[in-house]
Amino acid sequence: MFVGHYAAAMAAKAIEPKTPMWTLAAAAQLVDIGWSAFIVAGIEHARVDPTLPGSTLVLYDMPWTHSLPAAFAWSIAAILLVKLALRLPWWASTIVGLTVFSHWLLDFLVHRPDLELWHAGPRVGLALWNYPVPEQAVEIGLLAICGAAWAASRKQLGRLAWPAITFIAALVALQIVAMVQPQPAGELPAQAGVMILAIYLLVVAGAGLTDIQRKKAA
């Protein structure tokens, strides 16, 4: 799952609109931001198999980001970080932590069995990736539903909806590019990790722009 993870950020923003959108977007993909950084550093590993349906990634080594204990650890760390660094209330900080943990839950839905329940333990995943059309329908559907809730919450606060709509459209465009972009078979190189990390950070920056606008005229 790629852009579907941002649905959690949009739902969280609708629930807790005072939390910066860039923070929630980063939270939604914090696990994968860490994963791409670990790919660059050689701490975790993956390879590409173009014969696989849906995602061509074989995620055979990612215990520090995608195991269940790791997901809990990233979530708790995020709660403490935003509480201390951004001075968010505990409620808002908890929403950020839940947004981080949503990543593992959504990955469980789509991943092949590659998510460890504990270190070197059983690997789980419902493998919706093996059915590309339903998987894309779920991913884009989540984005549409949560995006609509986010846009509606902006309008209720007297803010314009178009920044949210533009951000969602950009995510859909990214999803299409990711689907059609061919990946060479073999070990996922560090250069790919750099590119993936850059994309995640650019999305975070774009999410931040949605909070920078004048209030809708009365």
N, C-alpha and C. Protein backbone atom coordinates (compact mmCIF):
# COMPACT_ATOMS: atom_id res chain seq x y z
N MET A 1 0.84 -1.19 0.00
CA MET A 1 0.00 0.00 0.00
C MET A 1 0.88 1.24 0.00
N PHE A 2 0.48 2.23 -0.81
CA PHE A 2 1.23 3.48 -0.90
C PHE A 2 0.35 4.64 -0.43
N VAL A 3 -0.41 5.22 -1.34
CA VAL A 3 -1.15 6.44 -0.98
C VAL A 3 -2.32 6.15 -0.05
N GLY A 4 -2.78 4.91 -0.01
CA GLY A 4 -3.87 4.59 0.91
C GLY A 4 -3.53 4.87 2.36
N HIS A 5 -2.24 4.81 2.70
CA HIS A 5 -1.84 5.12 4.07
C HIS A 5 -2.20 6.55 4.47
N TYR A 6 -2.20 7.44 3.49
CA TYR A 6 -2.51 8.84 3.81
C TYR A 6 -3.98 9.04 4.17
N ALA A 7 -4.82 8.05 3.90
CA ALA A 7 -6.22 8.13 4.32
C ALA A 7 -6.30 8.26 5.83
N ALA A 8 -5.41 7.57 6.54
CA ALA A 8 -5.40 7.67 8.00
C ALA A 8 -5.06 9.08 8.46
N ALA A 9 -4.13 9.73 7.75
CA ALA A 9 -3.78 11.11 8.08
C ALA A 9 -4.97 12.03 7.88
N MET A 10 -5.72 11.81 6.80
CA MET A 10 -6.88 12.65 6.50
C MET A 10 -7.99 12.44 7.52
N ALA A 11 -8.21 11.19 7.91
CA ALA A 11 -9.21 10.91 8.94
C ALA A 11 -8.80 11.56 10.26
N ALA A 12 -7.52 11.46 10.59
CA ALA A 12 -7.03 12.07 11.83
C ALA A 12 -7.17 13.59 11.80
N LYS A 13 -6.92 14.18 10.65
CA LYS A 13 -7.05 15.64 10.51
C LYS A 13 -8.50 16.07 10.67
N ALA A 14 -9.42 15.26 10.16
CA ALA A 14 -10.85 15.57 10.33
C ALA A 14 -11.26 15.49 11.79
N ILE A 15 -10.65 14.55 12.53
CA ILE A 15 -10.98 14.38 13.95
C ILE A 15 -10.30 15.44 14.81
N GLU A 16 -9.05 15.73 14.49
CA GLU A 16 -8.24 16.66 15.30
C GLU A 16 -7.63 17.71 14.37
N PRO A 17 -8.43 18.70 13.93
CA PRO A 17 -7.98 19.64 12.90
C PRO A 17 -6.84 20.56 13.32
N LYS A 18 -6.57 20.69 14.62
CA LYS A 18 -5.49 21.58 15.05
C LYS A 18 -4.11 20.95 14.88
N THR A 19 -4.06 19.64 14.70
CA THR A 19 -2.77 18.98 14.47
C THR A 19 -2.29 19.29 13.06
N PRO A 20 -1.04 19.72 12.88
CA PRO A 20 -0.55 20.04 11.53
C PRO A 20 -0.67 18.86 10.58
N MET A 21 -1.11 19.13 9.36
CA MET A 21 -1.28 18.06 8.39
C MET A 21 0.04 17.43 8.02
N TRP A 22 1.13 18.21 8.02
CA TRP A 22 2.42 17.61 7.69
C TRP A 22 2.80 16.57 8.73
N THR A 23 2.44 16.83 9.99
CA THR A 23 2.74 15.88 11.06
C THR A 23 1.97 14.58 10.85
N LEU A 24 0.70 14.70 10.49
CA LEU A 24 -0.12 13.51 10.28
C LEU A 24 0.31 12.73 9.04
N ALA A 25 0.69 13.45 7.98
CA ALA A 25 1.18 12.77 6.78
C ALA A 25 2.48 12.02 7.07
N ALA A 26 3.35 12.64 7.84
CA ALA A 26 4.59 11.97 8.24
C ALA A 26 4.29 10.76 9.12
N ALA A 27 3.31 10.91 10.01
CA ALA A 27 2.94 9.80 10.89
C ALA A 27 2.39 8.62 10.10
N ALA A 28 1.56 8.91 9.12
CA ALA A 28 0.94 7.84 8.33
C ALA A 28 1.98 7.00 7.61
N GLN A 29 3.11 7.61 7.24
CA GLN A 29 4.15 6.89 6.51
C GLN A 29 5.44 6.78 7.31
N LEU A 30 5.39 7.03 8.61
CA LEU A 30 6.62 7.00 9.40
C LEU A 30 7.32 5.65 9.31
N VAL A 31 6.56 4.58 9.32
CA VAL A 31 7.15 3.24 9.22
C VAL A 31 7.91 3.09 7.90
N ASP A 32 7.32 3.56 6.81
CA ASP A 32 7.99 3.44 5.51
C ASP A 32 9.10 4.47 5.33
N ILE A 33 8.97 5.62 5.99
CA ILE A 33 10.08 6.58 5.99
C ILE A 33 11.29 5.94 6.66
N GLY A 34 11.05 5.29 7.80
CA GLY A 34 12.13 4.56 8.46
C GLY A 34 12.65 3.43 7.60
N TRP A 35 11.73 2.70 6.96
CA TRP A 35 12.14 1.57 6.11
C TRP A 35 13.04 2.03 4.96
N SER A 36 12.65 3.09 4.27
CA SER A 36 13.46 3.56 3.15
C SER A 36 14.83 4.04 3.63
N ALA A 37 14.87 4.69 4.79
CA ALA A 37 16.16 5.11 5.35
C ALA A 37 17.01 3.90 5.71
N PHE A 38 16.37 2.84 6.21
CA PHE A 38 17.11 1.63 6.57
C PHE A 38 17.57 0.87 5.32
N ILE A 39 16.81 0.98 4.23
CA ILE A 39 17.27 0.40 2.96
C ILE A 39 18.55 1.12 2.52
N VAL A 40 18.55 2.43 2.62
CA VAL A 40 19.73 3.22 2.24
C VAL A 40 20.92 2.83 3.11
N ALA A 41 20.68 2.64 4.41
CA ALA A 41 21.76 2.34 5.34
C ALA A 41 22.17 0.87 5.33
N GLY A 42 21.41 0.02 4.63
CA GLY A 42 21.73 -1.40 4.59
C GLY A 42 21.30 -2.16 5.83
N ILE A 43 20.41 -1.57 6.62
CA ILE A 43 19.93 -2.22 7.83
C ILE A 43 18.80 -3.19 7.51
N GLU A 44 17.92 -2.82 6.59
CA GLU A 44 16.86 -3.71 6.11
C GLU A 44 17.04 -3.91 4.61
N HIS A 45 16.39 -4.95 4.10
CA HIS A 45 16.62 -5.33 2.71
C HIS A 45 15.32 -5.77 2.05
N ALA A 46 15.28 -5.60 0.73
CA ALA A 46 14.14 -6.05 -0.08
C ALA A 46 14.66 -6.32 -1.48
N ARG A 47 13.86 -7.03 -2.25
CA ARG A 47 14.21 -7.24 -3.65
C ARG A 47 12.96 -7.08 -4.50
N VAL A 48 13.16 -6.99 -5.79
CA VAL A 48 12.07 -6.79 -6.74
C VAL A 48 11.90 -8.05 -7.57
N ASP A 49 10.66 -8.52 -7.66
CA ASP A 49 10.31 -9.65 -8.51
C ASP A 49 9.20 -9.20 -9.45
N PRO A 50 9.54 -8.83 -10.70
CA PRO A 50 8.54 -8.28 -11.63
C PRO A 50 7.43 -9.26 -11.99
N THR A 51 7.59 -10.54 -11.67
CA THR A 51 6.55 -11.52 -12.00
C THR A 51 5.40 -11.51 -11.00
N LEU A 52 5.58 -10.84 -9.87
CA LEU A 52 4.53 -10.83 -8.85
C LEU A 52 3.38 -9.92 -9.26
N PRO A 53 2.14 -10.31 -8.94
CA PRO A 53 1.02 -9.41 -9.20
C PRO A 53 0.99 -8.29 -8.17
N GLY A 54 0.42 -7.16 -8.56
CA GLY A 54 0.36 -6.04 -7.63
C GLY A 54 1.75 -5.52 -7.33
N SER A 55 2.07 -5.37 -6.06
CA SER A 55 3.40 -4.91 -5.69
C SER A 55 4.44 -5.96 -6.06
N THR A 56 5.54 -5.50 -6.64
CA THR A 56 6.61 -6.42 -7.04
C THR A 56 7.69 -6.53 -5.97
N LEU A 57 7.47 -5.91 -4.82
CA LEU A 57 8.46 -5.95 -3.75
C LEU A 57 8.38 -7.26 -2.97
N VAL A 58 9.54 -7.84 -2.73
CA VAL A 58 9.67 -8.98 -1.83
C VAL A 58 10.34 -8.45 -0.56
N LEU A 59 9.56 -8.29 0.47
CA LEU A 59 10.02 -7.62 1.69
C LEU A 59 10.46 -8.68 2.71
N TYR A 60 11.65 -9.20 2.49
CA TYR A 60 12.08 -10.36 3.26
C TYR A 60 12.85 -10.01 4.53
N ASP A 61 13.24 -8.75 4.70
CA ASP A 61 14.04 -8.39 5.87
C ASP A 61 13.71 -6.96 6.31
N MET A 62 12.76 -6.83 7.24
CA MET A 62 12.38 -5.49 7.73
C MET A 62 11.86 -5.57 9.17
N PRO A 63 12.62 -6.22 10.06
CA PRO A 63 12.15 -6.40 11.44
C PRO A 63 12.09 -5.12 12.25
N TRP A 64 12.89 -4.12 11.89
CA TRP A 64 12.98 -2.90 12.69
C TRP A 64 11.90 -1.88 12.33
N THR A 65 11.18 -2.13 11.26
CA THR A 65 10.13 -1.18 10.87
C THR A 65 8.76 -1.83 10.76
N HIS A 66 8.68 -3.07 10.28
CA HIS A 66 7.38 -3.63 9.95
C HIS A 66 6.95 -4.81 10.82
N SER A 67 7.74 -5.18 11.81
CA SER A 67 7.24 -6.18 12.75
C SER A 67 6.21 -5.51 13.67
N LEU A 68 5.38 -6.31 14.29
CA LEU A 68 4.35 -5.75 15.18
C LEU A 68 4.97 -5.00 16.36
N PRO A 69 5.99 -5.55 17.05
CA PRO A 69 6.61 -4.77 18.13
C PRO A 69 7.23 -3.47 17.63
N ALA A 70 7.82 -3.50 16.44
CA ALA A 70 8.40 -2.28 15.89
C ALA A 70 7.32 -1.23 15.64
N ALA A 71 6.17 -1.67 15.14
CA ALA A 71 5.07 -0.72 14.89
C ALA A 71 4.63 -0.05 16.18
N PHE A 72 4.54 -0.84 17.26
CA PHE A 72 4.21 -0.26 18.56
C PHE A 72 5.28 0.74 19.00
N ALA A 73 6.53 0.38 18.80
CA ALA A 73 7.64 1.25 19.23
C ALA A 73 7.64 2.56 18.45
N TRP A 74 7.46 2.48 17.12
CA TRP A 74 7.40 3.70 16.31
C TRP A 74 6.22 4.58 16.75
N SER A 75 5.11 3.95 17.08
CA SER A 75 3.91 4.70 17.48
C SER A 75 4.14 5.43 18.80
N ILE A 76 4.70 4.73 19.77
CA ILE A 76 4.96 5.35 21.07
C ILE A 76 5.99 6.47 20.94
N ALA A 77 7.02 6.21 20.13
CA ALA A 77 8.04 7.24 19.91
C ALA A 77 7.43 8.48 19.28
N ALA A 78 6.50 8.27 18.36
CA ALA A 78 5.85 9.42 17.70
C ALA A 78 5.02 10.22 18.70
N ILE A 79 4.30 9.53 19.57
CA ILE A 79 3.51 10.22 20.59
C ILE A 79 4.40 11.12 21.44
N LEU A 80 5.50 10.55 21.91
CA LEU A 80 6.39 11.31 22.78
C LEU A 80 7.07 12.45 22.03
N LEU A 81 7.43 12.19 20.78
CA LEU A 81 8.13 13.22 20.00
C LEU A 81 7.25 14.44 19.76
N VAL A 82 6.01 14.19 19.30
CA VAL A 82 5.15 15.35 19.00
C VAL A 82 4.70 16.04 20.28
N LYS A 83 4.58 15.28 21.36
CA LYS A 83 4.23 15.90 22.64
C LYS A 83 5.33 16.85 23.09
N LEU A 84 6.58 16.42 22.96
CA LEU A 84 7.70 17.22 23.43
C LEU A 84 8.09 18.31 22.44
N ALA A 85 8.16 17.94 21.15
CA ALA A 85 8.66 18.89 20.14
C ALA A 85 7.60 19.89 19.71
N LEU A 86 6.38 19.42 19.50
CA LEU A 86 5.31 20.30 19.03
C LEU A 86 4.40 20.77 20.15
N ARG A 87 4.59 20.21 21.33
CA ARG A 87 3.77 20.56 22.51
C ARG A 87 2.28 20.38 22.24
N LEU A 88 1.96 19.30 21.55
CA LEU A 88 0.55 18.98 21.33
C LEU A 88 -0.06 18.42 22.60
N PRO A 89 -1.36 18.58 22.79
CA PRO A 89 -2.02 17.93 23.93
C PRO A 89 -1.90 16.41 23.81
N TRP A 90 -2.08 15.73 24.95
CA TRP A 90 -1.95 14.28 24.93
C TRP A 90 -2.95 13.65 23.96
N TRP A 91 -4.17 14.21 23.88
CA TRP A 91 -5.17 13.66 22.97
C TRP A 91 -4.67 13.72 21.53
N ALA A 92 -4.19 14.89 21.12
CA ALA A 92 -3.69 15.05 19.76
C ALA A 92 -2.46 14.19 19.52
N SER A 93 -1.59 14.09 20.52
CA SER A 93 -0.39 13.26 20.38
C SER A 93 -0.77 11.79 20.21
N THR A 94 -1.80 11.36 20.94
CA THR A 94 -2.27 9.98 20.81
C THR A 94 -2.84 9.73 19.42
N ILE A 95 -3.56 10.71 18.87
CA ILE A 95 -4.07 10.59 17.51
C ILE A 95 -2.91 10.39 16.53
N VAL A 96 -1.83 11.13 16.73
CA VAL A 96 -0.65 10.96 15.88
C VAL A 96 -0.10 9.54 16.01
N GLY A 97 0.00 9.04 17.24
CA GLY A 97 0.49 7.69 17.45
C GLY A 97 -0.40 6.63 16.81
N LEU A 98 -1.70 6.82 16.90
CA LEU A 98 -2.63 5.88 16.26
C LEU A 98 -2.49 5.94 14.74
N THR A 99 -2.22 7.11 14.22
CA THR A 99 -2.00 7.24 12.78
C THR A 99 -0.76 6.46 12.36
N VAL A 100 0.28 6.52 13.19
CA VAL A 100 1.48 5.72 12.90
C VAL A 100 1.13 4.23 12.90
N PHE A 101 0.39 3.79 13.91
CA PHE A 101 0.09 2.35 14.01
C PHE A 101 -0.85 1.88 12.91
N SER A 102 -1.67 2.79 12.39
CA SER A 102 -2.56 2.41 11.29
C SER A 102 -1.78 1.86 10.10
N HIS A 103 -0.53 2.28 9.98
CA HIS A 103 0.29 1.81 8.86
C HIS A 103 0.42 0.28 8.89
N TRP A 104 0.69 -0.26 10.07
CA TRP A 104 0.85 -1.72 10.18
C TRP A 104 -0.47 -2.42 9.89
N LEU A 105 -1.57 -1.88 10.38
CA LEU A 105 -2.87 -2.51 10.16
C LEU A 105 -3.22 -2.54 8.68
N LEU A 106 -2.97 -1.44 7.97
CA LEU A 106 -3.26 -1.40 6.54
C LEU A 106 -2.30 -2.30 5.77
N ASP A 107 -1.05 -2.36 6.21
CA ASP A 107 -0.11 -3.28 5.57
C ASP A 107 -0.53 -4.72 5.77
N PHE A 108 -1.05 -5.05 6.94
CA PHE A 108 -1.54 -6.40 7.19
C PHE A 108 -2.62 -6.79 6.19
N LEU A 109 -3.42 -5.83 5.79
CA LEU A 109 -4.48 -6.10 4.82
C LEU A 109 -3.93 -6.45 3.45
N VAL A 110 -2.88 -5.76 3.01
CA VAL A 110 -2.44 -5.90 1.61
C VAL A 110 -1.16 -6.71 1.44
N HIS A 111 -0.29 -6.72 2.43
CA HIS A 111 1.00 -7.41 2.27
C HIS A 111 0.82 -8.91 2.16
N ARG A 112 1.75 -9.52 1.43
CA ARG A 112 1.92 -10.96 1.53
C ARG A 112 2.51 -11.25 2.92
N PRO A 113 2.50 -12.49 3.36
CA PRO A 113 2.97 -12.76 4.73
C PRO A 113 4.45 -12.39 4.92
N ASP A 114 4.68 -11.14 5.29
CA ASP A 114 6.05 -10.67 5.53
C ASP A 114 6.15 -9.78 6.77
N LEU A 115 5.05 -9.67 7.51
CA LEU A 115 5.01 -8.84 8.72
C LEU A 115 5.19 -9.74 9.94
N GLU A 116 6.32 -9.61 10.61
CA GLU A 116 6.61 -10.46 11.76
C GLU A 116 5.75 -10.06 12.96
N LEU A 117 5.19 -11.08 13.64
CA LEU A 117 4.43 -10.81 14.86
C LEU A 117 5.37 -10.51 16.03
N TRP A 118 6.56 -11.03 15.97
CA TRP A 118 7.65 -10.68 16.88
C TRP A 118 8.95 -11.03 16.17
N HIS A 119 10.07 -10.64 16.75
CA HIS A 119 11.35 -10.84 16.07
C HIS A 119 11.57 -12.32 15.76
N ALA A 120 11.78 -12.60 14.48
CA ALA A 120 11.99 -13.96 13.98
C ALA A 120 10.78 -14.85 14.22
N GLY A 121 9.61 -14.24 14.45
CA GLY A 121 8.40 -15.00 14.69
C GLY A 121 7.60 -15.23 13.42
N PRO A 122 6.36 -15.71 13.55
CA PRO A 122 5.51 -15.95 12.38
C PRO A 122 5.28 -14.67 11.59
N ARG A 123 5.14 -14.84 10.29
CA ARG A 123 4.90 -13.69 9.41
C ARG A 123 3.47 -13.74 8.91
N VAL A 124 2.82 -12.59 8.91
CA VAL A 124 1.41 -12.53 8.55
C VAL A 124 1.18 -11.49 7.46
N GLY A 125 0.00 -11.55 6.87
CA GLY A 125 -0.40 -10.64 5.81
C GLY A 125 -1.50 -11.29 5.00
N LEU A 126 -2.56 -10.54 4.70
CA LEU A 126 -3.71 -11.11 3.99
C LEU A 126 -3.53 -11.13 2.48
N ALA A 127 -2.45 -10.53 1.98
CA ALA A 127 -2.04 -10.67 0.58
C ALA A 127 -3.04 -10.12 -0.42
N LEU A 128 -3.69 -9.01 -0.09
CA LEU A 128 -4.57 -8.38 -1.07
C LEU A 128 -3.79 -7.89 -2.29
N TRP A 129 -2.48 -7.70 -2.13
CA TRP A 129 -1.63 -7.36 -3.27
C TRP A 129 -1.77 -8.36 -4.42
N ASN A 130 -2.08 -9.61 -4.09
CA ASN A 130 -2.20 -10.63 -5.14
C ASN A 130 -3.42 -10.42 -6.02
N TYR A 131 -4.28 -9.49 -5.64
CA TYR A 131 -5.50 -9.18 -6.40
C TYR A 131 -5.49 -7.68 -6.68
N PRO A 132 -4.74 -7.25 -7.70
CA PRO A 132 -4.45 -5.82 -7.89
C PRO A 132 -5.68 -4.93 -8.00
N VAL A 133 -6.72 -5.38 -8.69
CA VAL A 133 -7.88 -4.51 -8.88
C VAL A 133 -8.61 -4.26 -7.56
N PRO A 134 -8.96 -5.31 -6.79
CA PRO A 134 -9.57 -5.04 -5.48
C PRO A 134 -8.65 -4.24 -4.56
N GLU A 135 -7.35 -4.50 -4.63
CA GLU A 135 -6.43 -3.77 -3.75
C GLU A 135 -6.44 -2.29 -4.07
N GLN A 136 -6.40 -1.96 -5.36
CA GLN A 136 -6.43 -0.55 -5.74
C GLN A 136 -7.77 0.09 -5.38
N ALA A 137 -8.84 -0.69 -5.50
CA ALA A 137 -10.17 -0.17 -5.14
C ALA A 137 -10.22 0.17 -3.66
N VAL A 138 -9.66 -0.71 -2.83
CA VAL A 138 -9.62 -0.45 -1.39
C VAL A 138 -8.78 0.78 -1.08
N GLU A 139 -7.61 0.86 -1.71
CA GLU A 139 -6.68 1.95 -1.43
C GLU A 139 -7.27 3.31 -1.84
N ILE A 140 -7.76 3.39 -3.07
CA ILE A 140 -8.32 4.65 -3.55
C ILE A 140 -9.64 4.95 -2.84
N GLY A 141 -10.40 3.89 -2.52
CA GLY A 141 -11.65 4.09 -1.80
C GLY A 141 -11.42 4.70 -0.42
N LEU A 142 -10.42 4.19 0.29
CA LEU A 142 -10.09 4.76 1.60
C LEU A 142 -9.67 6.22 1.46
N LEU A 143 -8.88 6.49 0.44
CA LEU A 143 -8.42 7.86 0.20
C LEU A 143 -9.61 8.78 -0.07
N ALA A 144 -10.56 8.30 -0.88
CA ALA A 144 -11.72 9.12 -1.23
C ALA A 144 -12.61 9.39 -0.02
N ILE A 145 -12.88 8.35 0.76
CA ILE A 145 -13.77 8.50 1.92
C ILE A 145 -13.15 9.42 2.97
N CYS A 146 -11.91 9.14 3.33
CA CYS A 146 -11.26 9.95 4.37
C CYS A 146 -10.93 11.34 3.85
N GLY A 147 -10.62 11.43 2.55
CA GLY A 147 -10.38 12.75 1.96
C GLY A 147 -11.63 13.60 1.96
N ALA A 148 -12.77 12.98 1.70
CA ALA A 148 -14.03 13.72 1.74
C ALA A 148 -14.32 14.22 3.15
N ALA A 149 -14.04 13.38 4.15
CA ALA A 149 -14.24 13.81 5.54
C ALA A 149 -13.33 14.97 5.90
N TRP A 150 -12.10 14.92 5.43
CA TRP A 150 -11.14 16.00 5.68
C TRP A 150 -11.60 17.30 5.01
N ALA A 151 -11.99 17.20 3.73
CA ALA A 151 -12.44 18.40 3.02
C ALA A 151 -13.69 18.99 3.69
N ALA A 152 -14.60 18.12 4.12
CA ALA A 152 -15.81 18.60 4.79
C ALA A 152 -15.48 19.30 6.10
N SER A 153 -14.52 18.75 6.84
CA SER A 153 -14.14 19.38 8.11
C SER A 153 -13.51 20.75 7.88
N ARG A 154 -12.77 20.90 6.78
CA ARG A 154 -12.19 22.20 6.45
C ARG A 154 -13.30 23.22 6.18
N LYS A 155 -14.30 22.81 5.44
CA LYS A 155 -15.40 23.72 5.12
C LYS A 155 -16.15 24.13 6.39
N GLN A 156 -16.31 23.19 7.32
CA GLN A 156 -16.98 23.51 8.57
C GLN A 156 -16.20 24.54 9.39
N LEU A 157 -14.88 24.55 9.20
CA LEU A 157 -14.03 25.51 9.91
C LEU A 157 -13.86 26.81 9.14
N GLY A 158 -14.58 26.94 8.03
CA GLY A 158 -14.50 28.14 7.22
C GLY A 158 -13.27 28.21 6.34
N ARG A 159 -12.68 27.07 6.06
CA ARG A 159 -11.50 27.03 5.21
C ARG A 159 -11.87 26.43 3.85
N LEU A 160 -11.05 26.73 2.86
CA LEU A 160 -11.32 26.24 1.52
C LEU A 160 -11.03 24.75 1.41
N ALA A 161 -11.81 24.07 0.57
CA ALA A 161 -11.63 22.63 0.39
C ALA A 161 -10.61 22.30 -0.69
N TRP A 162 -10.33 23.27 -1.60
CA TRP A 162 -9.52 22.91 -2.77
C TRP A 162 -8.09 22.49 -2.44
N PRO A 163 -7.43 23.00 -1.37
CA PRO A 163 -6.09 22.47 -1.08
C PRO A 163 -6.11 20.97 -0.76
N ALA A 164 -7.15 20.54 -0.04
CA ALA A 164 -7.28 19.11 0.26
C ALA A 164 -7.53 18.32 -1.01
N ILE A 165 -8.40 18.82 -1.87
CA ILE A 165 -8.71 18.12 -3.12
C ILE A 165 -7.48 18.05 -4.01
N THR A 166 -6.71 19.13 -4.08
CA THR A 166 -5.48 19.14 -4.88
C THR A 166 -4.47 18.14 -4.35
N PHE A 167 -4.34 18.08 -3.03
CA PHE A 167 -3.41 17.13 -2.41
C PHE A 167 -3.81 15.70 -2.72
N ILE A 168 -5.10 15.41 -2.63
CA ILE A 168 -5.59 14.06 -2.93
C ILE A 168 -5.34 13.72 -4.39
N ALA A 169 -5.59 14.66 -5.29
CA ALA A 169 -5.35 14.42 -6.72
C ALA A 169 -3.88 14.14 -6.98
N ALA A 170 -2.99 14.86 -6.28
CA ALA A 170 -1.56 14.63 -6.44
C ALA A 170 -1.18 13.23 -5.96
N LEU A 171 -1.81 12.77 -4.88
CA LEU A 171 -1.54 11.42 -4.39
C LEU A 171 -1.99 10.37 -5.39
N VAL A 172 -3.15 10.57 -5.98
CA VAL A 172 -3.64 9.62 -6.99
C VAL A 172 -2.69 9.58 -8.18
N ALA A 173 -2.18 10.74 -8.59
CA ALA A 173 -1.22 10.79 -9.68
C ALA A 173 0.05 10.02 -9.32
N LEU A 174 0.52 10.19 -8.09
CA LEU A 174 1.69 9.44 -7.63
C LEU A 174 1.44 7.94 -7.66
N GLN A 175 0.24 7.55 -7.27
CA GLN A 175 -0.11 6.13 -7.27
C GLN A 175 -0.05 5.56 -8.69
N ILE A 176 -0.57 6.31 -9.65
CA ILE A 176 -0.56 5.85 -11.04
C ILE A 176 0.87 5.71 -11.54
N VAL A 177 1.71 6.71 -11.24
CA VAL A 177 3.12 6.64 -11.66
C VAL A 177 3.80 5.43 -11.04
N ALA A 178 3.55 5.18 -9.76
CA ALA A 178 4.16 4.04 -9.08
C ALA A 178 3.71 2.72 -9.70
N MET A 179 2.47 2.66 -10.17
CA MET A 179 1.94 1.43 -10.76
C MET A 179 2.57 1.13 -12.11
N VAL A 180 2.82 2.16 -12.91
CA VAL A 180 3.29 1.93 -14.28
C VAL A 180 4.81 2.00 -14.39
N GLN A 181 5.49 2.50 -13.35
CA GLN A 181 6.94 2.62 -13.41
C GLN A 181 7.58 1.24 -13.27
N PRO A 182 8.32 0.78 -14.28
CA PRO A 182 8.95 -0.55 -14.17
C PRO A 182 10.12 -0.54 -13.19
N GLN A 183 10.29 -1.65 -12.50
CA GLN A 183 11.41 -1.81 -11.58
C GLN A 183 12.25 -3.00 -12.02
N PRO A 184 13.56 -2.84 -12.13
CA PRO A 184 14.40 -3.97 -12.53
C PRO A 184 14.42 -5.05 -11.45
N ALA A 185 14.50 -6.30 -11.89
CA ALA A 185 14.53 -7.41 -10.96
C ALA A 185 15.83 -7.39 -10.16
N GLY A 186 15.76 -7.92 -8.96
CA GLY A 186 16.95 -8.03 -8.13
C GLY A 186 16.83 -7.28 -6.83
N GLU A 187 17.93 -7.21 -6.12
CA GLU A 187 17.97 -6.54 -4.82
C GLU A 187 17.64 -5.06 -4.97
N LEU A 188 16.81 -4.55 -4.07
CA LEU A 188 16.45 -3.14 -4.10
C LEU A 188 17.67 -2.32 -3.67
N PRO A 189 18.20 -1.48 -4.56
CA PRO A 189 19.45 -0.77 -4.24
C PRO A 189 19.22 0.42 -3.32
N ALA A 190 20.31 0.89 -2.74
CA ALA A 190 20.24 2.05 -1.86
C ALA A 190 19.72 3.27 -2.60
N GLN A 191 20.05 3.38 -3.90
CA GLN A 191 19.57 4.53 -4.68
C GLN A 191 18.05 4.57 -4.72
N ALA A 192 17.43 3.39 -4.81
CA ALA A 192 15.96 3.33 -4.80
C ALA A 192 15.43 3.79 -3.45
N GLY A 193 16.12 3.42 -2.38
CA GLY A 193 15.71 3.87 -1.06
C GLY A 193 15.77 5.38 -0.93
N VAL A 194 16.80 6.00 -1.53
CA VAL A 194 16.92 7.45 -1.51
C VAL A 194 15.74 8.09 -2.24
N MET A 195 15.39 7.54 -3.41
CA MET A 195 14.28 8.09 -4.18
C MET A 195 12.96 7.95 -3.43
N ILE A 196 12.75 6.78 -2.85
CA ILE A 196 11.51 6.54 -2.10
C ILE A 196 11.42 7.50 -0.91
N LEU A 197 12.52 7.65 -0.19
CA LEU A 197 12.55 8.55 0.96
C LEU A 197 12.25 9.98 0.52
N ALA A 198 12.83 10.40 -0.60
CA ALA A 198 12.60 11.76 -1.10
C ALA A 198 11.13 11.98 -1.43
N ILE A 199 10.48 10.96 -2.01
CA ILE A 199 9.06 11.08 -2.34
C ILE A 199 8.23 11.25 -1.07
N TYR A 200 8.52 10.44 -0.06
CA TYR A 200 7.78 10.56 1.20
C TYR A 200 7.94 11.95 1.81
N LEU A 201 9.14 12.48 1.78
CA LEU A 201 9.39 13.80 2.36
C LEU A 201 8.72 14.90 1.55
N LEU A 202 8.69 14.74 0.23
CA LEU A 202 8.00 15.72 -0.61
C LEU A 202 6.49 15.72 -0.32
N VAL A 203 5.94 14.54 -0.10
CA VAL A 203 4.52 14.46 0.24
C VAL A 203 4.25 15.14 1.58
N VAL A 204 5.15 14.95 2.54
CA VAL A 204 5.00 15.63 3.83
C VAL A 204 5.01 17.14 3.64
N ALA A 205 5.92 17.63 2.79
CA ALA A 205 5.97 19.07 2.51
C ALA A 205 4.68 19.54 1.85
N GLY A 206 4.18 18.75 0.90
CA GLY A 206 2.93 19.10 0.24
C GLY A 206 1.76 19.12 1.20
N ALA A 207 1.76 18.18 2.14
CA ALA A 207 0.70 18.15 3.15
C ALA A 207 0.75 19.42 4.00
N GLY A 208 1.96 19.88 4.30
CA GLY A 208 2.09 21.10 5.08
C GLY A 208 1.50 22.31 4.38
N LEU A 209 1.61 22.33 3.06
CA LEU A 209 1.08 23.46 2.30
C LEU A 209 -0.44 23.57 2.40
N THR A 210 -1.11 22.46 2.67
CA THR A 210 -2.57 22.51 2.76
C THR A 210 -3.05 23.29 3.97
N ASP A 211 -2.17 23.48 4.95
CA ASP A 211 -2.55 24.26 6.13
C ASP A 211 -2.25 25.75 5.97
N ILE A 212 -1.57 26.11 4.89
CA ILE A 212 -1.17 27.51 4.69
C ILE A 212 -2.11 28.15 3.68
N GLN A 213 -3.15 28.77 4.18
CA GLN A 213 -4.09 29.47 3.31
C GLN A 213 -4.92 30.43 4.15
N ARG A 214 -5.50 31.38 3.47
CA ARG A 214 -6.41 32.29 4.16
C ARG A 214 -7.74 31.60 4.40
N LYS A 215 -8.43 32.07 5.41
CA LYS A 215 -9.75 31.53 5.67
C LYS A 215 -10.70 31.92 4.55
N LYS A 216 -11.64 31.03 4.32
CA LYS A 216 -12.65 31.28 3.30
C LYS A 216 -13.45 32.54 3.64
N ALA A 217 -13.66 33.37 2.64
CA ALA A 217 -14.41 34.61 2.87
C ALA A 217 -15.84 34.31 3.27
N ALA A 218 -16.36 35.11 4.19
CA ALA A 218 -17.73 34.89 4.67
C ALA A 218 -18.74 35.32 3.62
